Amino acid sequence: MKRIIRENTLSTKQHYEFEGTDEQRTDEAWEITCGYLGDKQKNKLEWHRYRCSEDRIAQAVTIAMLTMGIDGYYPHRAMTEFFEGKREFS
């Protein structure tokens, strides 16, 4: 799997492009997300996951990603799996 990193010079945002299967892309997005988040943010997300009901997962994921500055299809899939209990922080 090859990862291409482009850094936008006008801001601090980094853009990632992934190659591989959807599952590989989602796994890589989760690894990058885990590296991006600090311990305080991880604890906060775990608390929100604990308190979140199943019918509000989509809303919780969207709010979490917006407040932490995370965007993209594969990070969204990974974060949804986290809120569903299928992923843990590495």
Protein backbone atom coordinates (compact mmCIF):
# COMPACT_ATOMS: atom_id res chain seq x y z
CA MET A 1 0.00 0.00 0.00
CA LYS A 2 1.35 3.40 -0.94
CA ARG A 3 0.46 6.61 0.82
CA ILE A 4 0.92 9.98 -0.82
CA ILE A 5 1.03 12.99 1.45
CA ARG A 6 0.41 16.47 0.10
CA GLU A 7 0.70 19.39 2.47
CA ASN A 8 -1.30 22.48 1.75
CA THR A 9 1.10 25.43 2.08
CA LEU A 10 -1.71 27.88 2.83
CA SER A 11 -2.80 26.10 6.02
CA THR A 12 -1.69 23.40 8.40
CA LYS A 13 -4.05 20.80 6.91
CA GLN A 14 -2.56 17.65 5.45
CA HIS A 15 -4.29 15.74 2.70
CA TYR A 16 -3.90 11.98 2.40
CA GLU A 17 -4.54 9.77 -0.60
CA PHE A 18 -4.64 6.03 -0.02
CA GLU A 19 -4.15 3.06 -2.30
CA GLY A 20 -5.40 -0.44 -1.61
CA THR A 21 -8.69 -2.03 -0.73
CA ASP A 22 -11.39 -0.15 1.15
CA GLU A 23 -10.50 -2.05 4.32
CA GLN A 24 -6.80 -1.14 3.96
CA ARG A 25 -7.69 2.49 3.37
CA THR A 26 -9.95 2.54 6.42
CA ASP A 27 -7.24 0.91 8.57
CA GLU A 28 -4.66 3.45 7.42
CA ALA A 29 -7.08 6.32 8.05
CA TRP A 30 -7.64 5.02 11.58
CA GLU A 31 -3.89 4.81 12.24
CA ILE A 32 -3.43 8.39 11.05
CA THR A 33 -6.40 9.54 13.13
CA CYS A 34 -4.98 7.85 16.24
CA GLY A 35 -1.63 9.55 15.63
CA TYR A 36 -3.35 12.90 15.13
CA LEU A 37 -5.37 12.82 18.36
CA GLY A 38 -3.91 13.56 21.74
CA ASP A 39 -4.65 11.60 24.92
CA LYS A 40 -7.20 14.16 26.09
CA GLN A 41 -9.10 13.95 22.80
CA LYS A 42 -9.01 10.14 22.87
CA ASN A 43 -10.43 10.11 26.41
CA LYS A 44 -13.15 12.53 25.36
CA LEU A 45 -14.09 10.37 22.36
CA GLU A 46 -14.22 7.25 24.51
CA TRP A 47 -16.51 9.04 26.94
CA HIS A 48 -18.81 10.15 24.11
CA ARG A 49 -18.83 6.62 22.69
CA TYR A 50 -19.81 5.24 26.08
CA ARG A 51 -22.69 7.72 26.39
CA CYS A 52 -23.87 7.52 22.76
CA SER A 53 -26.95 5.50 21.90
CA GLU A 54 -27.02 3.38 18.74
CA ASP A 55 -29.53 5.60 16.97
CA ARG A 56 -27.31 8.69 17.37
CA ILE A 57 -23.98 7.28 16.15
CA ALA A 58 -24.07 9.14 12.82
CA GLN A 59 -24.65 12.46 14.56
CA ALA A 60 -21.92 11.79 17.16
CA VAL A 61 -19.39 10.87 14.46
CA THR A 62 -20.12 14.00 12.44
CA ILE A 63 -19.83 16.29 15.46
CA ALA A 64 -16.63 14.59 16.65
CA MET A 65 -14.99 14.92 13.25
CA LEU A 66 -16.01 18.56 12.83
CA THR A 67 -14.75 19.59 16.27
CA MET A 68 -11.41 17.82 15.79
CA GLY A 69 -10.78 18.98 12.23
CA ILE A 70 -10.94 15.52 10.66
CA ASP A 71 -12.50 15.10 7.22
CA GLY A 72 -12.80 12.47 4.53
CA TYR A 73 -14.62 9.29 3.61
CA TYR A 74 -12.17 6.76 5.09
CA PRO A 75 -11.61 8.63 8.37
CA HIS A 76 -15.42 8.85 8.65
CA ARG A 77 -15.75 5.09 8.12
CA ALA A 78 -13.06 4.44 10.74
CA MET A 79 -14.65 6.82 13.26
CA THR A 80 -18.06 5.22 12.70
CA GLU A 81 -16.55 1.80 13.40
CA PHE A 82 -15.01 3.24 16.58
CA PHE A 83 -18.38 4.50 17.79
CA GLU A 84 -19.92 1.12 16.94
CA GLY A 85 -17.28 -0.56 19.13
CA LYS A 86 -15.44 -2.25 16.26
CA ARG A 87 -12.20 -0.27 16.71
CA GLU A 88 -10.06 0.82 19.62
CA PHE A 89 -7.29 3.38 19.84
CA SER A 90 -3.86 2.03 19.00
